[in-house]
Amino acid sequence: LADGSLVRTLMGHTRCVWSACVSPDGVHVVTTSFDKTARIWLLADGSLVRTLEGHDGEINSACVSPEGLHVVTASDDKTARIW
C-alpha cells in the first residue's frame, strides 16, 4: 500500500474476475468469476488453496465470515451459497 507497486497476480479463472475480498485474518483472498467458480488463495504467496464449484451462474460476489470459517457466494443463478 505504501508505494502502490504490484505485489502479486492471481491467475487461474477462465473468465472475467468479478470480485475479490481478503479474509478477516489477512491470510486468504477469495475471488469470484464469470466462470461460475470462487477461488481461495493464500495471500502470502498467491497459491491456490481451493476452488468452490456448484453455482449454475456467474458468481458476482463473496465474503468471508468474521471468524473465517465460511465463505458466502452470490450468483446470477439466484442463489447465495455458504461454503
Protein backbone atom coordinates (compact mmCIF):
# COMPACT_ATOMS: atom_id res chain seq x y z
CA LEU A 1 0.00 0.00 0.00
CA ALA A 2 2.83 2.37 0.74
CA ASP A 3 4.05 2.85 -2.83
CA GLY A 4 1.25 1.23 -4.88
CA SER A 5 3.51 -1.30 -6.59
CA LEU A 6 2.15 -4.65 -7.76
CA VAL A 7 2.87 -7.44 -5.28
CA ARG A 8 1.30 -10.45 -6.97
CA THR A 9 -1.07 -11.52 -9.77
CA LEU A 10 -3.55 -14.33 -9.09
CA MET A 11 -4.20 -16.39 -12.21
CA GLY A 12 -6.50 -19.36 -12.72
CA HIS A 13 -10.01 -18.18 -13.53
CA THR A 14 -11.09 -18.86 -17.11
CA ARG A 15 -13.41 -15.84 -17.44
CA CYS A 16 -13.70 -12.33 -16.06
CA VAL A 17 -12.89 -11.95 -12.36
CA TRP A 18 -15.75 -10.04 -10.77
CA SER A 19 -14.73 -9.50 -7.14
CA ALA A 20 -12.05 -10.13 -4.55
CA CYS A 21 -12.01 -9.94 -0.76
CA VAL A 22 -9.42 -10.59 1.92
CA SER A 23 -10.28 -12.78 4.89
CA PRO A 24 -10.53 -11.02 8.27
CA ASP A 25 -7.25 -12.59 9.42
CA GLY A 26 -5.43 -11.44 6.29
CA VAL A 27 -4.37 -14.97 5.35
CA HIS A 28 -6.61 -15.65 2.33
CA VAL A 29 -8.06 -13.88 -0.69
CA VAL A 30 -11.36 -15.04 -2.23
CA THR A 31 -12.03 -14.20 -5.88
CA THR A 32 -15.24 -14.70 -7.86
CA SER A 33 -15.67 -15.08 -11.57
CA PHE A 34 -17.99 -15.39 -14.53
CA ASP A 35 -16.54 -18.92 -14.88
CA LYS A 36 -19.02 -19.94 -12.12
CA THR A 37 -16.29 -20.53 -9.53
CA ALA A 38 -14.91 -18.83 -6.46
CA ARG A 39 -11.28 -19.43 -5.63
CA ILE A 40 -9.47 -19.22 -2.31
CA TRP A 41 -5.83 -18.18 -2.44
CA LEU A 42 -3.04 -17.70 0.10
CA LEU A 43 -2.26 -14.01 0.28
CA ALA A 44 1.36 -14.63 1.27
CA ASP A 45 2.41 -16.48 -1.91
CA GLY A 46 -0.62 -16.46 -4.23
CA SER A 47 -1.02 -20.24 -4.25
CA LEU A 48 -4.47 -21.68 -4.91
CA VAL A 49 -5.96 -23.32 -1.83
CA ARG A 50 -9.35 -24.43 -3.15
CA THR A 51 -11.85 -23.90 -5.96
CA LEU A 52 -15.50 -23.64 -4.96
CA GLU A 53 -17.77 -25.07 -7.67
CA GLY A 54 -21.52 -25.61 -7.70
CA HIS A 55 -23.25 -22.44 -8.88
CA ASP A 56 -25.14 -22.61 -12.17
CA GLY A 57 -24.44 -18.96 -12.98
CA GLU A 58 -21.73 -16.36 -12.82
CA ILE A 59 -20.59 -15.57 -9.27
CA ASN A 60 -20.82 -11.86 -8.55
CA SER A 61 -19.52 -11.58 -5.02
CA ALA A 62 -18.18 -13.38 -1.99
CA CYS A 63 -17.38 -12.56 1.59
CA VAL A 64 -15.66 -14.41 4.40
CA SER A 65 -17.42 -14.74 7.75
CA PRO A 66 -15.87 -12.74 10.61
CA GLU A 67 -14.45 -15.86 12.27
CA GLY A 68 -13.04 -17.06 8.93
CA LEU A 69 -14.91 -20.37 8.92
CA HIS A 70 -17.21 -19.80 5.95
CA VAL A 71 -17.35 -18.14 2.55
CA VAL A 72 -20.67 -16.86 1.22
CA THR A 73 -21.05 -16.51 -2.55
CA ALA A 74 -23.82 -14.79 -4.55
CA SER A 75 -24.60 -15.76 -8.14
CA ASP A 76 -26.66 -14.93 -11.19
CA ASP A 77 -28.32 -18.32 -10.64
CA LYS A 78 -30.40 -16.53 -7.96
CA THR A 79 -28.73 -18.28 -5.03
CA ALA A 80 -26.34 -17.46 -2.26
CA ARG A 81 -24.28 -20.37 -1.01
CA ILE A 82 -22.45 -20.88 2.26
CA TRP A 83 -19.26 -22.94 2.00
